[in-house]
Amino acid sequence: MYKVGITGGIGSGKTTVCKVFEVLGIPVFYADAVAKEIMVTDKILIEGIKTTFGNLSYFEDGRLNNKHIASIVFNNESELIKLNALVHPAVFRAFDVWEAQVSPEVPYTLKEAALLFESESYKMVDTTILVTAPLQIKLDRVTARDGVATDQVKARMDKQLSDDEKIKMANHFIINDEAHSIIQQVLALHKQFLEIAANSHSKE
């Protein structure tokens, strides 16, 4: 099955774009949401986190102690790398399970991940989409959505690759600047992916 990866910086609106694809009948794997889920369900991952960051990483009822984890990794890149090295492979496993359960009638799937390039999970898909938006629009969206200060948003952005770096790696682009139609851009890509999926299916 043809696999499409989609990513974008904080506030780019990639989730909104994914919802449009879902309306068109395309299944979407939300890697970031799955990561939060498996951090409390995947036994291998849980043991790895406890071993690396201590038993305080989880409360007695099994919930993740986000404050404890954040206090360790937020301003320490080497510790963040350790956490990602545990979480990313678990997400990869979850994606493989999810992909195997998708109906063969589906022409292609979408994998949404904030760290698609940083985690190198773009290597697991056939093509990629980058959702972009001007910096000020992204800042306005996130400050309004999360109720946080601009400086906090910028600090989160600094932990991801810049759009300029991602543009060099992406295959397709959607501009979400409130001036270009998202629906028209998605429909154009959807048509392309349907054609590619149909051609690859006919060769099998």
Protein backbone atom coordinates (compact mmCIF):
# COMPACT_ATOMS: atom_id res chain seq x y z
CA MET A 1 0.00 0.00 0.00
CA TYR A 2 1.19 3.49 -0.86
CA LYS A 3 2.23 5.41 2.26
CA VAL A 4 2.29 9.18 2.60
CA GLY A 5 3.97 10.96 5.50
CA ILE A 6 2.78 14.41 6.54
CA THR A 7 4.46 16.85 8.89
CA GLY A 8 4.71 20.52 9.74
CA GLY A 9 6.00 22.75 12.48
CA ILE A 10 4.02 23.72 15.57
CA GLY A 11 1.00 25.77 14.53
CA SER A 12 1.30 24.89 10.84
CA GLY A 13 -2.12 23.28 10.88
CA LYS A 14 -1.12 19.78 9.77
CA THR A 15 -3.92 18.22 11.84
CA THR A 16 -6.48 20.36 10.00
CA VAL A 17 -5.02 19.18 6.70
CA CYS A 18 -5.21 15.57 7.87
CA LYS A 19 -8.90 16.00 8.69
CA VAL A 20 -9.53 16.99 5.07
CA PHE A 21 -7.81 13.80 3.89
CA GLU A 22 -9.98 11.83 6.33
CA VAL A 23 -13.11 13.34 4.81
CA LEU A 24 -11.88 11.94 1.49
CA GLY A 25 -11.76 8.48 3.07
CA ILE A 26 -8.02 8.27 3.70
CA PRO A 27 -7.02 6.66 7.03
CA VAL A 28 -4.61 8.75 9.10
CA PHE A 29 -2.15 7.44 11.68
CA TYR A 30 -1.56 10.21 14.21
CA ALA A 31 1.92 9.35 15.47
CA ASP A 32 2.02 12.00 18.21
CA ALA A 33 -1.30 10.88 19.71
CA VAL A 34 -0.24 7.25 19.48
CA ALA A 35 3.05 8.08 21.22
CA LYS A 36 1.17 9.44 24.23
CA GLU A 37 -1.04 6.36 24.30
CA ILE A 38 1.70 3.74 24.07
CA MET A 39 3.75 5.43 26.77
CA VAL A 40 1.18 3.98 29.18
CA THR A 41 0.31 0.75 27.30
CA ASP A 42 3.47 -0.59 25.63
CA LYS A 43 5.20 -2.71 28.30
CA ILE A 44 8.58 -2.63 26.54
CA LEU A 45 8.46 1.15 26.31
CA ILE A 46 7.29 1.60 29.90
CA GLU A 47 10.14 -0.53 31.25
CA GLY A 48 12.62 1.38 29.09
CA ILE A 49 11.40 4.72 30.42
CA LYS A 50 11.51 3.54 34.03
CA THR A 51 15.02 2.17 33.57
CA THR A 52 16.25 5.36 31.93
CA PHE A 53 14.42 8.04 33.91
CA GLY A 54 13.50 6.26 37.16
CA ASN A 55 10.34 4.79 38.68
CA LEU A 56 9.05 8.30 39.35
CA SER A 57 8.33 8.44 35.61
CA TYR A 58 4.98 6.79 36.38
CA PHE A 59 2.40 7.24 39.11
CA GLU A 60 1.21 4.21 41.06
CA ASP A 61 -1.97 4.05 38.96
CA GLY A 62 0.10 3.71 35.77
CA ARG A 63 -0.27 7.25 34.49
CA LEU A 64 2.80 8.93 33.01
CA ASN A 65 4.38 11.55 35.28
CA ASN A 66 4.75 14.22 32.59
CA LYS A 67 6.25 16.79 34.97
CA HIS A 68 9.00 14.39 36.03
CA ILE A 69 9.88 13.52 32.44
CA ALA A 70 9.72 17.16 31.32
CA SER A 71 11.99 18.29 34.14
CA ILE A 72 14.64 15.91 32.86
CA VAL A 73 14.43 16.29 29.09
CA PHE A 74 13.12 19.80 28.43
CA ASN A 75 16.43 21.65 28.66
CA ASN A 76 18.74 18.68 28.23
CA GLU A 77 19.16 17.59 24.63
CA SER A 78 21.06 14.40 25.45
CA GLU A 79 18.25 13.25 27.75
CA LEU A 80 15.65 14.14 25.10
CA ILE A 81 17.56 12.02 22.61
CA LYS A 82 17.39 9.11 25.05
CA LEU A 83 13.61 9.52 25.38
CA ASN A 84 13.10 9.72 21.63
CA ALA A 85 15.28 6.63 21.15
CA LEU A 86 12.78 4.75 23.32
CA VAL A 87 9.55 6.25 21.98
CA HIS A 88 10.21 6.34 18.23
CA PRO A 89 10.79 2.58 17.77
CA ALA A 90 7.61 1.90 19.77
CA VAL A 91 5.67 4.23 17.47
CA PHE A 92 7.18 2.47 14.45
CA ARG A 93 5.90 -0.85 15.83
CA ALA A 94 2.44 0.64 16.39
CA PHE A 95 2.38 2.01 12.84
CA ASP A 96 3.20 -1.41 11.40
CA VAL A 97 0.34 -2.97 13.38
CA TRP A 98 -2.05 -0.21 12.32
CA GLU A 99 -1.01 -0.42 8.66
CA ALA A 100 -1.61 -4.19 8.62
CA GLN A 101 -5.19 -3.63 9.78
CA VAL A 102 -6.09 -1.10 7.07
CA SER A 103 -8.44 -2.44 4.40
CA PRO A 104 -6.68 -3.37 1.13
CA GLU A 105 -9.41 -1.40 -0.64
CA VAL A 106 -7.88 1.84 0.69
CA PRO A 107 -5.69 3.43 -2.03
CA TYR A 108 -3.15 4.96 0.35
CA THR A 109 -2.59 5.89 3.99
CA LEU A 110 -1.31 8.99 5.75
CA LYS A 111 1.15 9.05 8.63
CA GLU A 112 1.06 12.32 10.56
CA ALA A 113 4.12 13.05 12.70
CA ALA A 114 5.58 16.29 14.05
CA LEU A 115 9.05 14.72 13.96
CA LEU A 116 8.70 12.88 10.65
CA PHE A 117 12.16 13.97 9.50
CA GLU A 118 13.83 14.24 12.90
CA SER A 119 12.87 10.65 13.79
CA GLU A 120 13.79 9.44 10.30
CA SER A 121 10.34 7.84 10.02
CA TYR A 122 10.06 9.49 6.61
CA LYS A 123 12.14 6.53 5.44
CA MET A 124 9.14 4.30 6.21
CA VAL A 125 6.82 6.08 3.76
CA ASP A 126 6.81 6.47 -0.02
CA THR A 127 6.45 10.24 -0.18
CA THR A 128 6.08 13.21 2.17
CA ILE A 129 3.99 16.35 2.57
CA LEU A 130 5.16 19.43 4.45
CA VAL A 131 2.51 21.84 5.75
CA THR A 132 3.91 25.36 6.07
CA ALA A 133 2.66 28.67 7.43
CA PRO A 134 4.25 32.07 8.14
CA LEU A 135 5.91 32.34 11.54
CA GLN A 136 3.54 34.97 12.94
CA ILE A 137 0.47 32.96 11.97
CA LYS A 138 1.92 29.88 13.66
CA LEU A 139 2.72 31.85 16.80
CA ASP A 140 -0.78 33.35 16.91
CA ARG A 141 -2.41 29.94 16.47
CA VAL A 142 -0.42 28.23 19.22
CA THR A 143 -0.63 31.04 21.77
CA ALA A 144 -4.41 31.16 21.28
CA ARG A 145 -4.82 27.37 21.29
CA ASP A 146 -2.55 26.51 24.24
CA GLY A 147 -2.76 29.74 26.22
CA VAL A 148 1.02 30.07 26.42
CA ALA A 149 3.43 32.94 25.89
CA THR A 150 5.16 33.57 22.56
CA ASP A 151 8.57 32.84 24.08
CA GLN A 152 7.39 29.38 25.16
CA VAL A 153 6.14 28.62 21.66
CA LYS A 154 9.43 29.74 20.12
CA ALA A 155 11.33 27.51 22.57
CA ARG A 156 9.25 24.53 21.40
CA MET A 157 9.84 25.48 17.77
CA ASP A 158 13.59 25.61 18.33
CA LYS A 159 13.55 21.91 19.25
CA GLN A 160 12.33 20.99 15.76
CA LEU A 161 13.94 21.38 12.37
CA SER A 162 13.13 24.70 10.70
CA ASP A 163 10.80 24.88 7.71
CA ASP A 164 13.81 25.75 5.54
CA GLU A 165 15.48 22.49 6.54
CA LYS A 166 12.29 20.47 6.08
CA ILE A 167 11.61 21.99 2.65
CA LYS A 168 14.87 20.45 1.41
CA MET A 169 13.62 17.01 2.46
CA ALA A 170 9.89 17.09 1.61
CA ASN A 171 8.33 15.97 -1.67
CA HIS A 172 5.04 17.91 -1.60
CA PHE A 173 3.88 21.10 0.08
CA ILE A 174 0.66 22.59 1.43
CA ILE A 175 0.64 26.29 2.28
CA ASN A 176 -1.66 26.99 5.22
CA ASP A 177 -1.43 30.78 5.38
CA GLU A 178 -5.18 31.53 5.40
CA ALA A 179 -4.82 32.89 1.84
CA HIS A 180 -4.42 29.63 -0.11
CA SER A 181 -7.27 27.08 -0.14
CA ILE A 182 -6.32 24.00 1.88
CA ILE A 183 -9.12 21.98 0.29
CA GLN A 184 -7.95 22.68 -3.25
CA GLN A 185 -4.35 21.80 -2.36
CA VAL A 186 -5.42 18.56 -0.67
CA LEU A 187 -7.65 17.60 -3.60
CA ALA A 188 -4.77 18.12 -6.02
CA LEU A 189 -2.46 15.88 -3.99
CA HIS A 190 -5.23 13.34 -3.44
CA LYS A 191 -5.64 13.03 -7.20
CA GLN A 192 -1.89 12.49 -7.62
CA PHE A 193 -1.75 9.83 -4.91
CA LEU A 194 -4.77 7.99 -6.31
CA GLU A 195 -3.08 7.81 -9.72
CA ILE A 196 0.21 6.60 -8.23
CA ALA A 197 -1.57 4.01 -6.06
CA ALA A 198 -3.60 2.78 -9.05
CA ASN A 199 -0.49 2.46 -11.22
CA SER A 200 1.46 0.58 -8.56
CA HIS A 201 -1.51 -1.71 -7.94
CA SER A 202 -1.84 -2.54 -11.65
CA LYS A 203 1.82 -3.60 -11.76
CA GLU A 204 1.41 -6.11 -8.94
